[in-house]
Amino acid sequence: MEKREIILDCDPGTDDAIALAYAAAHKDELELLAITTVCGNQSVEKVTRNALNLAEFYGLDVPVAKGMDTPFTREPVYAPEVHGETGLGQSVLPAASRQAEQEHAVLFLNRLLTGLPEGKKVTIVATGPLTNIAMLLKLFPQVKKHIREIVFMGGAAMGGNVTPSAEFNIYTDPEAARVVFRSGVPLVMCGLDVTLKCTLKRQQIIKLCQSGNPVANLCGDLAGYSLENSSSKYRGEVSIHDVVPLMYLLHPDIFKVQCTILDVDCSDGPSRGTTLCDFRWWEHEEEEMDAWILMDADGARFQEELITGLYELGERIKNKKEEGM
């Protein structure tokens, strides 16, 4: 498999934290160039601290840059009920020795992308609101030639989790989503249509929590917090939304995709933040159908790949520590 160079734009967040572990578990397939943070699940200060601590815990030697602290035009909306006051439930990590970059994430991304060799392209994986990415594309449109695609967790063809029709990441900054959707950059949307099928079950979480494996244990605690502090506890499994974009890059065969045109409702009415997916290919020119949306997934394969990756990363970390003793 071709090694993908990626940038992870995130708002850790319990499921972002698990996604970071999954990325760290696949260093041979995914070369993580940078982590950028955006306000979403919690304030940008909290999620940046989480990103730094998680990166060091997982053995990721990559720069972390703090990004937008508010949406484009709206007040921030956080999700402490699902992710806790720190963003990581009740989990406490050692403080990282590394500091965030001095540059704002948008400026940092522009410098990183424009510094790439001619013809070089990277994939942006976005697991939070699209504020940083939209600001980057508005201020520095020249970077588009260095973006292979934007694979993002957000939206839904049908249904929502904040309102009957809107998903959290898109709902919190629909104006940013619209900029990204209309940018002309190739898009892959990993929305609730598929992420609700990519879960960990309560018994699997219990086994992770009981493990002596440091990564499995942490991710079990994180998933367990989200399970017990949301409506997911009644179905006995919790969606690990933010792993889906990364798993799509490594195992696209797990998913069913469909071509579409994306837009978003930016009104202040009850449909605010609704992702509009136009599947009417016969109404459009082929080049207009510039986005793919994940519509289905093999949930058992998702669980197998995720759990295997978490245990393998934990074993590597344990062995490295034992070698250093």
Protein backbone atom coordinates (compact mmCIF):
# COMPACT_ATOMS: atom_id res chain seq x y z
CA MET A 1 0.00 0.00 0.00
CA GLU A 2 1.16 3.52 -0.82
CA LYS A 3 2.19 5.45 2.28
CA ARG A 4 -0.14 8.41 2.75
CA GLU A 5 1.12 11.73 4.07
CA ILE A 6 -1.62 13.24 6.21
CA ILE A 7 -2.39 16.25 8.37
CA LEU A 8 -4.84 15.65 11.22
CA ASP A 9 -7.08 18.60 12.13
CA CYS A 10 -8.93 17.67 15.31
CA ASP A 11 -10.61 18.66 18.59
CA PRO A 12 -9.71 15.92 21.13
CA GLY A 13 -12.34 14.77 22.35
CA THR A 14 -12.63 11.13 23.39
CA ASP A 15 -13.08 9.72 19.89
CA ASP A 16 -10.39 12.04 18.45
CA ALA A 17 -8.07 10.62 21.12
CA ILE A 18 -8.81 7.08 19.92
CA ALA A 19 -8.32 8.21 16.32
CA LEU A 20 -4.86 9.54 17.23
CA ALA A 21 -4.02 6.15 18.71
CA TYR A 22 -5.16 4.45 15.51
CA ALA A 23 -2.98 6.80 13.43
CA ALA A 24 0.00 6.14 15.70
CA ALA A 25 -0.56 2.40 15.35
CA HIS A 26 -0.14 2.69 11.56
CA LYS A 27 3.02 4.75 11.13
CA ASP A 28 4.13 2.48 8.31
CA GLU A 29 1.04 3.32 6.25
CA LEU A 30 0.27 6.87 7.43
CA GLU A 31 2.93 9.54 7.75
CA LEU A 32 1.48 12.15 10.09
CA LEU A 33 3.05 15.50 9.20
CA ALA A 34 1.26 17.64 11.77
CA ILE A 35 -1.65 17.89 14.19
CA THR A 36 -3.75 21.05 14.23
CA THR A 37 -6.49 21.81 16.72
CA VAL A 38 -9.79 23.64 16.54
CA CYS A 39 -12.49 24.49 19.07
CA GLY A 40 -15.25 21.91 19.00
CA ASN A 41 -15.70 19.22 21.61
CA GLN A 42 -14.05 21.61 24.07
CA SER A 43 -12.25 24.96 23.98
CA VAL A 44 -9.22 25.21 21.73
CA GLU A 45 -6.95 25.59 24.78
CA LYS A 46 -8.19 22.30 26.26
CA VAL A 47 -8.11 20.32 23.02
CA THR A 48 -4.62 21.60 22.20
CA ARG A 49 -3.35 20.47 25.58
CA ASN A 50 -5.02 17.11 24.98
CA ALA A 51 -3.42 16.80 21.53
CA LEU A 52 0.05 17.48 22.95
CA ASN A 53 -0.39 15.00 25.81
CA LEU A 54 -1.86 12.31 23.58
CA ALA A 55 0.81 12.67 20.91
CA GLU A 56 3.58 12.18 23.46
CA PHE A 57 1.76 9.29 25.16
CA TYR A 58 1.37 7.52 21.80
CA GLY A 59 4.98 8.21 20.76
CA LEU A 60 4.10 10.63 17.95
CA ASP A 61 6.94 13.07 17.27
CA VAL A 62 4.96 15.63 15.26
CA PRO A 63 4.29 19.37 15.59
CA VAL A 64 1.01 20.48 17.16
CA ALA A 65 -0.43 23.89 16.20
CA LYS A 66 -3.37 25.61 17.91
CA GLY A 67 -6.05 26.92 15.58
CA MET A 68 -9.37 28.75 15.61
CA ASP A 69 -10.94 29.41 18.99
CA THR A 70 -14.38 30.30 17.62
CA PRO A 71 -16.45 29.36 14.56
CA PHE A 72 -16.58 31.70 11.55
CA THR A 73 -19.54 33.80 12.68
CA ARG A 74 -21.08 32.04 15.67
CA GLU A 75 -20.39 31.42 19.32
CA PRO A 76 -18.66 28.14 20.19
CA VAL A 77 -20.75 25.10 21.08
CA TYR A 78 -18.98 22.49 23.22
CA ALA A 79 -19.94 18.92 24.19
CA PRO A 80 -18.82 18.39 27.82
CA GLU A 81 -21.70 16.01 28.46
CA VAL A 82 -20.12 13.46 26.09
CA HIS A 83 -16.41 14.31 26.39
CA GLY A 84 -16.12 15.68 29.93
CA GLU A 85 -14.83 18.99 31.22
CA THR A 86 -11.29 18.33 29.99
CA GLY A 87 -12.39 16.70 26.75
CA LEU A 88 -10.96 13.33 27.78
CA GLY A 89 -13.62 12.15 30.20
CA GLN A 90 -12.02 11.25 33.50
CA SER A 91 -8.71 10.16 31.98
CA VAL A 92 -5.55 11.97 33.11
CA LEU A 93 -2.38 11.84 31.01
CA PRO A 94 1.18 12.90 31.85
CA ALA A 95 1.87 16.48 30.78
CA ALA A 96 3.74 16.64 27.48
CA SER A 97 7.25 18.09 27.37
CA ARG A 98 6.57 19.54 23.92
CA GLN A 99 4.85 22.88 23.44
CA ALA A 100 2.48 23.92 20.68
CA GLU A 101 3.91 25.77 17.69
CA GLN A 102 4.21 29.54 17.97
CA GLU A 103 2.30 30.04 14.71
CA HIS A 104 -1.46 29.92 14.47
CA ALA A 105 -2.53 26.64 12.89
CA VAL A 106 -3.83 28.32 9.71
CA LEU A 107 -0.50 30.09 9.13
CA PHE A 108 1.38 26.93 10.05
CA LEU A 109 -0.62 24.88 7.53
CA ASN A 110 -0.01 27.43 4.81
CA ARG A 111 3.74 27.34 5.45
CA LEU A 112 3.80 23.54 5.56
CA LEU A 113 1.80 23.09 2.36
CA THR A 114 3.48 25.81 0.29
CA GLY A 115 6.83 24.41 1.35
CA LEU A 116 6.09 21.05 -0.28
CA PRO A 117 7.88 20.15 -3.53
CA GLU A 118 6.02 20.92 -6.75
CA GLY A 119 3.48 18.20 -7.46
CA LYS A 120 3.47 16.91 -3.89
CA LYS A 121 0.04 16.45 -2.32
CA VAL A 122 -1.13 15.49 1.17
CA THR A 123 -4.45 14.35 2.59
CA ILE A 124 -6.14 16.46 5.25
CA VAL A 125 -8.10 14.39 7.76
CA ALA A 126 -10.54 16.59 9.70
CA THR A 127 -12.35 15.20 12.74
CA GLY A 128 -13.69 18.45 14.20
CA PRO A 129 -15.51 21.50 12.87
CA LEU A 130 -14.05 22.66 9.55
CA THR A 131 -13.13 26.16 10.76
CA ASN A 132 -9.35 25.87 10.35
CA ILE A 133 -9.63 24.29 6.91
CA ALA A 134 -12.12 26.86 5.66
CA MET A 135 -9.96 29.74 6.89
CA LEU A 136 -6.92 28.20 5.21
CA LEU A 137 -8.73 27.86 1.88
CA LYS A 138 -10.13 31.40 2.05
CA LEU A 139 -6.87 33.13 2.99
CA PHE A 140 -4.46 30.96 1.01
CA PRO A 141 -6.28 29.39 -1.96
CA GLN A 142 -2.92 28.59 -3.54
CA VAL A 143 -2.54 25.64 -1.13
CA LYS A 144 -5.28 23.73 -2.95
CA LYS A 145 -2.76 22.35 -5.44
CA HIS A 146 -1.03 20.58 -2.53
CA ILE A 147 -4.19 18.99 -1.08
CA ARG A 148 -4.94 15.56 -2.49
CA GLU A 149 -8.30 15.37 -0.71
CA ILE A 150 -10.06 16.34 2.51
CA VAL A 151 -11.47 13.33 4.36
CA PHE A 152 -13.69 14.60 7.14
CA MET A 153 -15.94 13.30 9.88
CA GLY A 154 -19.15 15.28 9.81
CA GLY A 155 -22.60 15.64 8.40
CA ALA A 156 -25.17 13.06 7.40
CA ALA A 157 -27.26 12.31 4.36
CA MET A 158 -30.11 11.48 6.74
CA GLY A 159 -30.62 12.45 10.37
CA GLY A 160 -28.50 14.22 12.96
CA ASN A 161 -27.26 14.04 16.54
CA VAL A 162 -27.60 17.69 17.64
CA THR A 163 -30.91 18.32 15.88
CA PRO A 164 -33.11 15.91 13.94
CA SER A 165 -31.16 16.79 10.78
CA ALA A 166 -27.74 18.19 11.81
CA GLU A 167 -24.50 16.53 12.97
CA PHE A 168 -22.35 18.28 15.62
CA ASN A 169 -19.23 19.19 13.59
CA ILE A 170 -21.24 20.76 10.78
CA TYR A 171 -23.84 22.31 13.09
CA THR A 172 -21.24 24.21 15.12
CA ASP A 173 -19.80 25.96 12.04
CA PRO A 174 -21.96 25.54 8.94
CA GLU A 175 -20.41 28.59 7.27
CA ALA A 176 -16.98 26.96 7.41
CA ALA A 177 -18.41 23.72 6.03
CA ARG A 178 -19.92 25.62 3.10
CA VAL A 179 -16.53 27.16 2.23
CA VAL A 180 -14.93 23.71 2.22
CA PHE A 181 -17.78 22.10 0.28
CA ARG A 182 -17.54 24.75 -2.44
CA SER A 183 -13.73 24.88 -2.58
CA GLY A 184 -13.28 22.47 -5.47
CA VAL A 185 -10.96 20.27 -3.40
CA PRO A 186 -11.90 16.56 -3.59
CA LEU A 187 -13.92 15.56 -0.51
CA VAL A 188 -14.80 12.35 1.31
CA MET A 189 -17.55 12.74 3.89
CA CYS A 190 -17.62 10.26 6.76
CA GLY A 191 -20.94 11.19 8.32
CA LEU A 192 -23.40 9.67 10.75
CA ASP A 193 -24.74 7.40 8.01
CA VAL A 194 -21.60 5.30 8.46
CA THR A 195 -20.08 6.31 11.82
CA LEU A 196 -23.17 5.14 13.72
CA LYS A 197 -22.32 1.66 12.38
CA CYS A 198 -18.67 1.90 13.50
CA THR A 199 -18.86 1.19 17.20
CA LEU A 200 -17.33 -0.52 20.17
CA LYS A 201 -19.68 -2.67 22.21
CA ARG A 202 -19.87 -2.48 26.00
CA GLN A 203 -18.21 -5.88 26.46
CA GLN A 204 -15.36 -4.93 24.15
CA ILE A 205 -14.86 -1.71 26.10
CA ILE A 206 -14.80 -3.62 29.40
CA LYS A 207 -12.07 -5.91 28.04
CA LEU A 208 -10.03 -2.90 26.91
CA CYS A 209 -10.39 -1.30 30.35
CA GLN A 210 -9.29 -4.49 32.09
CA SER A 211 -6.25 -4.87 29.87
CA GLY A 212 -2.72 -4.26 31.10
CA ASN A 213 -2.01 -2.69 27.73
CA PRO A 214 -1.59 1.09 28.24
CA VAL A 215 -3.19 2.20 24.95
CA ALA A 216 -6.05 -0.31 25.10
CA ASN A 217 -6.70 0.69 28.70
CA LEU A 218 -6.79 4.42 27.95
CA CYS A 219 -8.99 4.01 24.88
CA GLY A 220 -11.32 1.73 26.80
CA ASP A 221 -11.69 4.39 29.50
CA LEU A 222 -12.35 7.07 26.85
CA ALA A 223 -14.93 5.00 24.98
CA GLY A 224 -16.53 3.93 28.24
CA TYR A 225 -16.96 7.52 29.37
CA SER A 226 -18.73 8.43 26.14
CA LEU A 227 -20.85 5.29 26.33
CA GLU A 228 -22.07 5.92 29.86
CA ASN A 229 -22.58 9.67 29.42
CA SER A 230 -24.71 9.64 26.30
CA SER A 231 -27.80 7.94 24.94
CA SER A 232 -25.45 5.24 23.61
CA LYS A 233 -25.63 3.48 26.97
CA TYR A 234 -29.14 2.35 26.12
CA ARG A 235 -28.00 0.59 22.94
CA GLY A 236 -24.93 -0.92 24.62
CA GLU A 237 -22.39 0.38 22.11
CA VAL A 238 -20.80 3.71 21.29
CA SER A 239 -19.77 5.13 17.92
CA ILE A 240 -16.06 5.86 17.52
CA HIS A 241 -16.78 8.48 14.86
CA ASP A 242 -13.34 9.99 14.36
CA VAL A 243 -11.52 6.74 13.59
CA VAL A 244 -13.63 6.29 10.44
CA PRO A 245 -11.77 8.76 8.14
CA LEU A 246 -8.43 7.14 8.99
CA MET A 247 -9.75 3.63 8.59
CA TYR A 248 -11.24 4.60 5.23
CA LEU A 249 -7.75 5.59 4.04
CA LEU A 250 -6.29 2.24 5.11
CA HIS A 251 -9.22 -0.10 4.46
CA PRO A 252 -11.59 1.43 1.90
CA ASP A 253 -13.00 -2.04 1.23
CA ILE A 254 -14.79 -1.89 4.61
CA PHE A 255 -17.03 0.90 3.34
CA LYS A 256 -19.63 1.54 0.66
CA VAL A 257 -19.39 4.96 -0.97
CA GLN A 258 -21.59 7.06 -3.21
CA CYS A 259 -20.83 10.11 -5.34
CA THR A 260 -22.62 13.35 -4.46
CA ILE A 261 -22.58 17.15 -4.41
CA LEU A 262 -22.40 18.65 -0.92
CA ASP A 263 -23.92 21.81 0.49
CA VAL A 264 -25.09 22.90 3.93
CA ASP A 265 -27.93 24.93 5.42
CA CYS A 266 -26.46 28.05 7.04
CA SER A 267 -29.77 29.51 8.18
CA ASP A 268 -30.74 30.15 11.80
CA GLY A 269 -33.86 28.04 11.46
CA PRO A 270 -34.54 24.48 12.61
CA SER A 271 -32.59 23.05 9.66
CA ARG A 272 -29.36 24.92 10.48
CA GLY A 273 -26.32 22.74 9.91
CA THR A 274 -28.14 20.16 7.80
CA THR A 275 -25.86 18.59 5.22
CA LEU A 276 -27.45 18.65 1.77
CA CYS A 277 -26.40 15.70 -0.39
CA ASP A 278 -27.43 15.80 -4.04
CA PHE A 279 -27.21 12.31 -5.54
CA ARG A 280 -28.96 13.26 -8.82
CA TRP A 281 -26.02 12.49 -11.10
CA TRP A 282 -28.24 12.87 -14.17
CA GLU A 283 -28.82 16.54 -13.31
CA HIS A 284 -25.12 17.47 -13.23
CA GLU A 285 -21.94 17.35 -15.25
CA GLU A 286 -19.54 14.63 -14.19
CA GLU A 287 -16.95 17.12 -12.87
CA GLU A 288 -19.57 18.70 -10.60
CA MET A 289 -19.94 15.45 -8.64
CA ASP A 290 -16.80 16.19 -6.65
CA ALA A 291 -17.52 14.51 -3.31
CA TRP A 292 -17.83 10.97 -2.02
CA ILE A 293 -19.94 10.03 0.97
CA LEU A 294 -19.56 6.86 3.02
CA MET A 295 -22.97 5.21 3.28
CA ASP A 296 -22.35 1.82 4.89
CA ALA A 297 -19.66 -0.12 6.75
CA ASP A 298 -18.75 -3.60 7.91
CA GLY A 299 -19.01 -2.97 11.65
CA ALA A 300 -17.31 -6.22 12.68
CA ARG A 301 -14.29 -5.46 10.46
CA PHE A 302 -14.11 -1.95 11.92
CA GLN A 303 -14.01 -3.34 15.45
CA GLU A 304 -11.39 -5.95 14.57
CA GLU A 305 -9.09 -3.45 12.85
CA LEU A 306 -9.43 -0.84 15.59
CA ILE A 307 -8.93 -3.15 18.55
CA THR A 308 -5.97 -4.88 16.89
CA GLY A 309 -4.33 -1.50 16.21
CA LEU A 310 -4.78 -0.30 19.79
CA TYR A 311 -3.23 -3.44 21.26
CA GLU A 312 -0.31 -3.41 18.82
CA LEU A 313 0.49 0.23 19.62
CA GLY A 314 0.32 -0.47 23.34
CA GLU A 315 2.70 -3.41 23.02
CA ARG A 316 5.19 -1.27 21.08
CA ILE A 317 5.06 1.40 23.79
CA LYS A 318 5.51 -1.19 26.56
CA ASN A 319 8.46 -2.81 24.80
CA LYS A 320 10.12 0.57 24.18
CA LYS A 321 9.81 1.47 27.85
CA GLU A 322 11.24 -1.89 28.92
CA GLU A 323 14.18 -1.45 26.55
CA GLY A 324 14.90 1.98 28.06
CA MET A 325 15.02 0.67 31.62
